[in-house]
Amino acid sequence: MEKILVPLIPALLSLALVRLMLLPMKWMLKAAIHGAAGLACLWLLNSIAGFTGIYFPVNAITVLTTGTLGLPGIGVVALLAVL
């Protein structure tokens, strides 16, 4: 029984370590996808800014805000752009 358990412990520990290392990568990938969606939304809104007269700043904070919060995030950025 010990001959089976002794090699199994390092294998399980290494599997747990790999799983812990992949978790932050999942969060970074999710943030990148949301950032790309936020950038696309801000680009579309700035492309029609000639009609509305409101130009939205495009930086990391506004992109991640609009990407993460969605429509309420666009509202927050619009409110800050007007002020």
PDB file of N, CA and C in Angstrom:
ATOM      1  N   MET A   1       0.822  -1.192   0.000  1.00  0.00           N
ATOM      2  CA  MET A   1       0.000   0.000   0.000  1.00  0.00           C
ATOM      3  C   MET A   1       0.863   1.252   0.000  1.00  0.00           C
ATOM      4  N   GLU A   2       1.958   1.224   0.774  1.00  0.00           N
ATOM      5  CA  GLU A   2       2.843   2.389   0.824  1.00  0.00           C
ATOM      6  C   GLU A   2       3.535   2.624  -0.504  1.00  0.00           C
ATOM      7  N   LYS A   3       3.789   1.581  -1.253  1.00  0.00           N
ATOM      8  CA  LYS A   3       4.452   1.720  -2.537  1.00  0.00           C
ATOM      9  C   LYS A   3       3.576   2.482  -3.531  1.00  0.00           C
ATOM     10  N   ILE A   4       2.287   2.454  -3.325  1.00  0.00           N
ATOM     11  CA  ILE A   4       1.363   3.174  -4.212  1.00  0.00           C
ATOM     12  C   ILE A   4       1.179   4.611  -3.748  1.00  0.00           C
ATOM     13  N   LEU A   5       1.068   4.824  -2.453  1.00  0.00           N
ATOM     14  CA  LEU A   5       0.781   6.153  -1.915  1.00  0.00           C
ATOM     15  C   LEU A   5       1.969   7.104  -1.970  1.00  0.00           C
ATOM     16  N   VAL A   6       3.162   6.620  -1.799  1.00  0.00           N
ATOM     17  CA  VAL A   6       4.339   7.492  -1.771  1.00  0.00           C
ATOM     18  C   VAL A   6       4.528   8.231  -3.094  1.00  0.00           C
ATOM     19  N   PRO A   7       4.468   7.616  -4.261  1.00  0.00           N
ATOM     20  CA  PRO A   7       4.598   8.384  -5.506  1.00  0.00           C
ATOM     21  C   PRO A   7       3.353   9.199  -5.842  1.00  0.00           C
ATOM     22  N   LEU A   8       2.221   8.816  -5.272  1.00  0.00           N
ATOM     23  CA  LEU A   8       0.977   9.516  -5.567  1.00  0.00           C
ATOM     24  C   LEU A   8       0.927  10.899  -4.919  1.00  0.00           C
ATOM     25  N   ILE A   9       1.527  11.069  -3.772  1.00  0.00           N
ATOM     26  CA  ILE A   9       1.502  12.352  -3.059  1.00  0.00           C
ATOM     27  C   ILE A   9       2.194  13.455  -3.856  1.00  0.00           C
ATOM     28  N   PRO A  10       3.418  13.282  -4.366  1.00  0.00           N
ATOM     29  CA  PRO A  10       4.010  14.356  -5.174  1.00  0.00           C
ATOM     30  C   PRO A  10       3.225  14.639  -6.462  1.00  0.00           C
ATOM     31  N   ALA A  11       2.633  13.613  -7.036  1.00  0.00           N
ATOM     32  CA  ALA A  11       1.838  13.822  -8.243  1.00  0.00           C
ATOM     33  C   ALA A  11       0.618  14.682  -7.941  1.00  0.00           C
ATOM     34  N   LEU A  12      -0.050  14.432  -6.841  1.00  0.00           N
ATOM     35  CA  LEU A  12      -1.217  15.232  -6.457  1.00  0.00           C
ATOM     36  C   LEU A  12      -0.820  16.658  -6.082  1.00  0.00           C
ATOM     37  N   LEU A  13       0.309  16.815  -5.419  1.00  0.00           N
ATOM     38  CA  LEU A  13       0.789  18.156  -5.069  1.00  0.00           C
ATOM     39  C   LEU A  13       1.146  18.958  -6.318  1.00  0.00           C
ATOM     40  N   SER A  14       1.766  18.319  -7.285  1.00  0.00           N
ATOM     41  CA  SER A  14       2.111  19.038  -8.519  1.00  0.00           C
ATOM     42  C   SER A  14       0.860  19.385  -9.311  1.00  0.00           C
ATOM     43  N   LEU A  15      -0.138  18.513  -9.298  1.00  0.00           N
ATOM     44  CA  LEU A  15      -1.404  18.807  -9.969  1.00  0.00           C
ATOM     45  C   LEU A  15      -2.098  20.002  -9.314  1.00  0.00           C
ATOM     46  N   ALA A  16      -2.084  20.060  -7.989  1.00  0.00           N
ATOM     47  CA  ALA A  16      -2.682  21.185  -7.274  1.00  0.00           C
ATOM     48  C   ALA A  16      -1.921  22.476  -7.573  1.00  0.00           C
ATOM     49  N   LEU A  17      -0.605  22.404  -7.674  1.00  0.00           N
ATOM     50  CA  LEU A  17       0.199  23.586  -7.982  1.00  0.00           C
ATOM     51  C   LEU A  17      -0.096  24.111  -9.394  1.00  0.00           C
ATOM     52  N   VAL A  18      -0.215  23.224 -10.347  1.00  0.00           N
ATOM     53  CA  VAL A  18      -0.538  23.633 -11.719  1.00  0.00           C
ATOM     54  C   VAL A  18      -1.910  24.269 -11.766  1.00  0.00           C
ATOM     55  N   ARG A  19      -2.858  23.696 -11.048  1.00  0.00           N
ATOM     56  CA  ARG A  19      -4.213  24.263 -11.024  1.00  0.00           C
ATOM     57  C   ARG A  19      -4.213  25.662 -10.402  1.00  0.00           C
ATOM     58  N   LEU A  20      -3.443  25.867  -9.355  1.00  0.00           N
ATOM     59  CA  LEU A  20      -3.356  27.191  -8.736  1.00  0.00           C
ATOM     60  C   LEU A  20      -2.682  28.207  -9.653  1.00  0.00           C
ATOM     61  N   MET A  21      -1.743  27.745 -10.470  1.00  0.00           N
ATOM     62  CA  MET A  21      -1.059  28.660 -11.381  1.00  0.00           C
ATOM     63  C   MET A  21      -1.948  29.027 -12.565  1.00  0.00           C
ATOM     64  N   LEU A  22      -2.876  28.165 -12.954  1.00  0.00           N
ATOM     65  CA  LEU A  22      -3.754  28.460 -14.084  1.00  0.00           C
ATOM     66  C   LEU A  22      -4.886  29.408 -13.716  1.00  0.00           C
ATOM     67  N   LEU A  23      -5.228  29.514 -12.457  1.00  0.00           N
ATOM     68  CA  LEU A  23      -6.330  30.366 -12.036  1.00  0.00           C
ATOM     69  C   LEU A  23      -6.100  31.839 -12.372  1.00  0.00           C
ATOM     70  N   PRO A  24      -4.923  32.445 -12.078  1.00  0.00           N
ATOM     71  CA  PRO A  24      -4.714  33.834 -12.472  1.00  0.00           C
ATOM     72  C   PRO A  24      -4.714  34.021 -13.994  1.00  0.00           C
ATOM     73  N   MET A  25      -4.280  33.016 -14.738  1.00  0.00           N
ATOM     74  CA  MET A  25      -4.300  33.135 -16.195  1.00  0.00           C
ATOM     75  C   MET A  25      -5.729  33.184 -16.706  1.00  0.00           C
ATOM     76  N   LYS A  26      -6.637  32.475 -16.053  1.00  0.00           N
ATOM     77  CA  LYS A  26      -8.045  32.509 -16.437  1.00  0.00           C
ATOM     78  C   LYS A  26      -8.614  33.907 -16.202  1.00  0.00           C
ATOM     79  N   TRP A  27      -8.228  34.515 -15.080  1.00  0.00           N
ATOM     80  CA  TRP A  27      -8.699  35.865 -14.781  1.00  0.00           C
ATOM     81  C   TRP A  27      -8.145  36.877 -15.774  1.00  0.00           C
ATOM     82  N   MET A  28      -6.876  36.713 -16.149  1.00  0.00           N
ATOM     83  CA  MET A  28      -6.281  37.640 -17.119  1.00  0.00           C
ATOM     84  C   MET A  28      -6.934  37.490 -18.489  1.00  0.00           C
ATOM     85  N   LEU A  29      -7.242  36.266 -18.884  1.00  0.00           N
ATOM     86  CA  LEU A  29      -7.914  36.046 -20.160  1.00  0.00           C
ATOM     87  C   LEU A  29      -9.305  36.654 -20.138  1.00  0.00           C
ATOM     88  N   LYS A  30     -10.007  36.503 -19.031  1.00  0.00           N
ATOM     89  CA  LYS A  30     -11.340  37.090 -18.898  1.00  0.00           C
ATOM     90  C   LYS A  30     -11.267  38.621 -18.950  1.00  0.00           C
ATOM     91  N   ALA A  31     -10.274  39.212 -18.294  1.00  0.00           N
ATOM     92  CA  ALA A  31     -10.104  40.660 -18.322  1.00  0.00           C
ATOM     93  C   ALA A  31      -9.752  41.141 -19.735  1.00  0.00           C
ATOM     94  N   ALA A  32      -8.961  40.363 -20.469  1.00  0.00           N
ATOM     95  CA  ALA A  32      -8.614  40.737 -21.838  1.00  0.00           C
ATOM     96  C   ALA A  32      -9.827  40.693 -22.752  1.00  0.00           C
ATOM     97  N   ILE A  33     -10.682  39.705 -22.575  1.00  0.00           N
ATOM     98  CA  ILE A  33     -11.895  39.618 -23.390  1.00  0.00           C
ATOM     99  C   ILE A  33     -12.833  40.775 -23.072  1.00  0.00           C
ATOM    100  N   HIS A  34     -13.015  41.074 -21.795  1.00  0.00           N
ATOM    101  CA  HIS A  34     -13.858  42.209 -21.419  1.00  0.00           C
ATOM    102  C   HIS A  34     -13.261  43.524 -21.904  1.00  0.00           C
ATOM    103  N   GLY A  35     -11.952  43.641 -21.849  1.00  0.00           N
ATOM    104  CA  GLY A  35     -11.293  44.851 -22.342  1.00  0.00           C
ATOM    105  C   GLY A  35     -11.485  45.037 -23.833  1.00  0.00           C
ATOM    106  N   ALA A  36     -11.418  43.951 -24.590  1.00  0.00           N
ATOM    107  CA  ALA A  36     -11.634  44.040 -26.034  1.00  0.00           C
ATOM    108  C   ALA A  36     -13.069  44.455 -26.332  1.00  0.00           C
ATOM    109  N   ALA A  37     -14.018  43.936 -25.575  1.00  0.00           N
ATOM    110  CA  ALA A  37     -15.419  44.330 -25.773  1.00  0.00           C
ATOM    111  C   ALA A  37     -15.616  45.801 -25.405  1.00  0.00           C
ATOM    112  N   GLY A  38     -14.976  46.242 -24.328  1.00  0.00           N
ATOM    113  CA  GLY A  38     -15.079  47.648 -23.939  1.00  0.00           C
ATOM    114  C   GLY A  38     -14.447  48.570 -24.960  1.00  0.00           C
ATOM    115  N   LEU A  39     -13.326  48.158 -25.524  1.00  0.00           N
ATOM    116  CA  LEU A  39     -12.672  48.955 -26.559  1.00  0.00           C
ATOM    117  C   LEU A  39     -13.557  49.056 -27.800  1.00  0.00           C
ATOM    118  N   ALA A  40     -14.191  47.952 -28.175  1.00  0.00           N
ATOM    119  CA  ALA A  40     -15.086  47.967 -29.328  1.00  0.00           C
ATOM    120  C   ALA A  40     -16.271  48.894 -29.087  1.00  0.00           C
ATOM    121  N   CYS A  41     -16.832  48.873 -27.881  1.00  0.00           N
ATOM    122  CA  CYS A  41     -17.956  49.760 -27.562  1.00  0.00           C
ATOM    123  C   CYS A  41     -17.540  51.218 -27.609  1.00  0.00           C
ATOM    124  N   LEU A  42     -16.388  51.530 -27.021  1.00  0.00           N
ATOM    125  CA  LEU A  42     -15.932  52.924 -27.038  1.00  0.00           C
ATOM    126  C   LEU A  42     -15.593  53.376 -28.454  1.00  0.00           C
ATOM    127  N   TRP A  43     -15.047  52.480 -29.273  1.00  0.00           N
ATOM    128  CA  TRP A  43     -14.739  52.830 -30.655  1.00  0.00           C
ATOM    129  C   TRP A  43     -16.025  53.134 -31.421  1.00  0.00           C
ATOM    130  N   LEU A  44     -17.059  52.300 -31.213  1.00  0.00           N
ATOM    131  CA  LEU A  44     -18.339  52.546 -31.883  1.00  0.00           C
ATOM    132  C   LEU A  44     -18.966  53.857 -31.422  1.00  0.00           C
ATOM    133  N   LEU A  45     -18.894  54.123 -30.136  1.00  0.00           N
ATOM    134  CA  LEU A  45     -19.465  55.379 -29.634  1.00  0.00           C
ATOM    135  C   LEU A  45     -18.688  56.592 -30.132  1.00  0.00           C
ATOM    136  N   ASN A  46     -17.379  56.480 -30.233  1.00  0.00           N
ATOM    137  CA  ASN A  46     -16.593  57.600 -30.751  1.00  0.00           C
ATOM    138  C   ASN A  46     -16.770  57.771 -32.249  1.00  0.00           C
ATOM    139  N   SER A  47     -17.148  56.708 -32.955  1.00  0.00           N
ATOM    140  CA  SER A  47     -17.364  56.847 -34.396  1.00  0.00           C
ATOM    141  C   SER A  47     -18.651  57.618 -34.699  1.00  0.00           C
ATOM    142  N   ILE A  48     -19.616  57.608 -33.791  1.00  0.00           N
ATOM    143  CA  ILE A  48     -20.831  58.395 -33.989  1.00  0.00           C
ATOM    144  C   ILE A  48     -20.803  59.687 -33.171  1.00  0.00           C
ATOM    145  N   ALA A  49     -19.652  60.040 -32.656  1.00  0.00           N
ATOM    146  CA  ALA A  49     -19.535  61.235 -31.815  1.00  0.00           C
ATOM    147  C   ALA A  49     -19.762  62.513 -32.615  1.00  0.00           C
ATOM    148  N   GLY A  50     -19.629  62.461 -33.921  1.00  0.00           N
ATOM    149  CA  GLY A  50     -19.909  63.637 -34.736  1.00  0.00           C
ATOM    150  C   GLY A  50     -21.368  64.049 -34.629  1.00  0.00           C
ATOM    151  N   PHE A  51     -22.233  63.090 -34.433  1.00  0.00           N
ATOM    152  CA  PHE A  51     -23.664  63.385 -34.298  1.00  0.00           C
ATOM    153  C   PHE A  51     -24.021  63.825 -32.889  1.00  0.00           C
ATOM    154  N   THR A  52     -23.397  63.212 -31.899  1.00  0.00           N
ATOM    155  CA  THR A  52     -23.756  63.503 -30.516  1.00  0.00           C
ATOM    156  C   THR A  52     -22.915  64.619 -29.907  1.00  0.00           C
ATOM    157  N   GLY A  53     -21.696  64.780 -30.349  1.00  0.00           N
ATOM    158  CA  GLY A  53     -20.816  65.798 -29.798  1.00  0.00           C
ATOM    159  C   GLY A  53     -20.107  65.359 -28.529  1.00  0.00           C
ATOM    160  N   ILE A  54     -20.289  64.121 -28.112  1.00  0.00           N
ATOM    161  CA  ILE A  54     -19.650  63.607 -26.904  1.00  0.00           C
ATOM    162  C   ILE A  54     -18.561  62.632 -27.318  1.00  0.00           C
ATOM    163  N   TYR A  55     -17.324  62.953 -26.973  1.00  0.00           N
ATOM    164  CA  TYR A  55     -16.197  62.068 -27.261  1.00  0.00           C
ATOM    165  C   TYR A  55     -15.785  61.375 -25.972  1.00  0.00           C
ATOM    166  N   PHE A  56     -15.651  60.074 -26.043  1.00  0.00           N
ATOM    167  CA  PHE A  56     -15.296  59.280 -24.874  1.00  0.00           C
ATOM    168  C   PHE A  56     -13.792  59.061 -24.855  1.00  0.00           C
ATOM    169  N   PRO A  57     -13.154  59.284 -23.715  1.00  0.00           N
ATOM    170  CA  PRO A  57     -11.713  59.008 -23.639  1.00  0.00           C
ATOM    171  C   PRO A  57     -11.458  57.504 -23.691  1.00  0.00           C
ATOM    172  N   VAL A  58     -10.431  57.113 -24.409  1.00  0.00           N
ATOM    173  CA  VAL A  58     -10.088  55.697 -24.507  1.00  0.00           C
ATOM    174  C   VAL A  58      -8.767  55.480 -23.777  1.00  0.00           C
ATOM    175  N   ASN A  59      -8.859  54.934 -22.584  1.00  0.00           N
ATOM    176  CA  ASN A  59      -7.687  54.543 -21.811  1.00  0.00           C
ATOM    177  C   ASN A  59      -8.008  53.255 -21.066  1.00  0.00           C
ATOM    178  N   ALA A  60      -7.085  52.744 -20.313  1.00  0.00           N
ATOM    179  CA  ALA A  60      -7.273  51.440 -19.667  1.00  0.00           C
ATOM    180  C   ALA A  60      -8.448  51.442 -18.697  1.00  0.00           C
ATOM    181  N   ILE A  61      -8.621  52.524 -17.965  1.00  0.00           N
ATOM    182  CA  ILE A  61      -9.692  52.577 -16.971  1.00  0.00           C
ATOM    183  C   ILE A  61     -11.055  52.573 -17.648  1.00  0.00           C
ATOM    184  N   THR A  62     -11.248  53.411 -18.669  1.00  0.00           N
ATOM    185  CA  THR A  62     -12.554  53.474 -19.328  1.00  0.00           C
ATOM    186  C   THR A  62     -12.853  52.196 -20.108  1.00  0.00           C
ATOM    187  N   VAL A  63     -11.826  51.599 -20.710  1.00  0.00           N
ATOM    188  CA  VAL A  63     -12.028  50.359 -21.468  1.00  0.00           C
ATOM    189  C   VAL A  63     -12.450  49.236 -20.530  1.00  0.00           C
ATOM    190  N   LEU A  64     -11.756  49.073 -19.412  1.00  0.00           N
ATOM    191  CA  LEU A  64     -12.118  48.010 -18.474  1.00  0.00           C
ATOM    192  C   LEU A  64     -13.442  48.294 -17.774  1.00  0.00           C
ATOM    193  N   THR A  65     -13.768  49.566 -17.541  1.00  0.00           N
ATOM    194  CA  THR A  65     -15.053  49.904 -16.931  1.00  0.00           C
ATOM    195  C   THR A  65     -16.195  49.544 -17.859  1.00  0.00           C
ATOM    196  N   THR A  66     -16.095  49.939 -19.115  1.00  0.00           N
ATOM    197  CA  THR A  66     -17.172  49.622 -20.055  1.00  0.00           C
ATOM    198  C   THR A  66     -17.219  48.130 -20.367  1.00  0.00           C
ATOM    199  N   GLY A  67     -16.085  47.481 -20.408  1.00  0.00           N
ATOM    200  CA  GLY A  67     -16.071  46.053 -20.689  1.00  0.00           C
ATOM    201  C   GLY A  67     -16.611  45.225 -19.548  1.00  0.00           C
ATOM    202  N   THR A  68     -16.325  45.616 -18.323  1.00  0.00           N
ATOM    203  CA  THR A  68     -16.759  44.846 -17.164  1.00  0.00           C
ATOM    204  C   THR A  68     -18.211  45.135 -16.805  1.00  0.00           C
ATOM    205  N   LEU A  69     -18.581  46.402 -16.779  1.00  0.00           N
ATOM    206  CA  LEU A  69     -19.926  46.764 -16.343  1.00  0.00           C
ATOM    207  C   LEU A  69     -20.958  46.754 -17.463  1.00  0.00           C
ATOM    208  N   GLY A  70     -20.515  46.810 -18.704  1.00  0.00           N
ATOM    209  CA  GLY A  70     -21.456  46.798 -19.824  1.00  0.00           C
ATOM    210  C   GLY A  70     -22.141  48.140 -20.002  1.00  0.00           C
ATOM    211  N   LEU A  71     -23.454  48.110 -20.187  1.00  0.00           N
ATOM    212  CA  LEU A  71     -24.216  49.333 -20.429  1.00  0.00           C
ATOM    213  C   LEU A  71     -24.140  50.326 -19.255  1.00  0.00           C
ATOM    214  N   PRO A  72     -24.224  49.885 -18.002  1.00  0.00           N
ATOM    215  CA  PRO A  72     -24.026  50.845 -16.913  1.00  0.00           C
ATOM    216  C   PRO A  72     -22.625  51.468 -16.920  1.00  0.00           C
ATOM    217  N   GLY A  73     -21.633  50.720 -17.346  1.00  0.00           N
ATOM    218  CA  GLY A  73     -20.281  51.272 -17.443  1.00  0.00           C
ATOM    219  C   GLY A  73     -20.183  52.343 -18.502  1.00  0.00           C
ATOM    220  N   ILE A  74     -20.885  52.147 -19.618  1.00  0.00           N
ATOM    221  CA  ILE A  74     -20.921  53.185 -20.657  1.00  0.00           C
ATOM    222  C   ILE A  74     -21.608  54.425 -20.115  1.00  0.00           C
ATOM    223  N   GLY A  75     -22.650  54.220 -19.323  1.00  0.00           N
ATOM    224  CA  GLY A  75     -23.325  55.362 -18.693  1.00  0.00           C
ATOM    225  C   GLY A  75     -22.424  56.119 -17.750  1.00  0.00           C
ATOM    226  N   VAL A  76     -21.627  55.401 -16.982  1.00  0.00           N
ATOM    227  CA  VAL A  76     -20.691  56.054 -16.045  1.00  0.00           C
ATOM    228  C   VAL A  76     -19.641  56.843 -16.826  1.00  0.00           C
ATOM    229  N   VAL A  77     -19.095  56.258 -17.874  1.00  0.00           N
ATOM    230  CA  VAL A  77     -18.090  56.954 -18.679  1.00  0.00           C
ATOM    231  C   VAL A  77     -18.705  58.147 -19.389  1.00  0.00           C
ATOM    232  N   ALA A  78     -19.942  58.016 -19.865  1.00  0.00           N
ATOM    233  CA  ALA A  78     -20.627  59.141 -20.510  1.00  0.00           C
ATOM    234  C   ALA A  78     -20.882  60.265 -19.516  1.00  0.00           C
ATOM    235  N   LEU A  79     -21.261  59.889 -18.310  1.00  0.00           N
ATOM    236  CA  LEU A  79     -21.498  60.899 -17.285  1.00  0.00           C
ATOM    237  C   LEU A  79     -20.211  61.635 -16.941  1.00  0.00           C
ATOM    238  N   LEU A  80     -19.121  60.903 -16.854  1.00  0.00           N
ATOM    239  CA  LEU A  80     -17.838  61.539 -16.559  1.00  0.00           C
ATOM    240  C   LEU A  80     -17.320  62.360 -17.746  1.00  0.00           C
ATOM    241  N   ALA A  81     -17.659  61.961 -18.975  1.00  0.00           N
ATOM    242  CA  ALA A  81     -17.215  62.700 -20.154  1.00  0.00           C
ATOM    243  C   ALA A  81     -17.938  64.027 -20.269  1.00  0.00           C
ATOM    244  N   VAL A  82     -19.194  64.059 -19.834  1.00  0.00           N
ATOM    245  CA  VAL A  82     -19.975  65.290 -19.916  1.00  0.00           C
ATOM    246  C   VAL A  82     -19.549  66.271 -18.840  1.00  0.00           C
ATOM    247  N   LEU A  83     -19.202  65.759 -17.673  1.00  0.00           N
ATOM    248  CA  LEU A  83     -18.818  66.648 -16.566  1.00  0.00           C
ATOM    249  C   LEU A  83     -17.521  67.256 -16.816  1.00  0.00           C
TER     250      LEU A  83
END
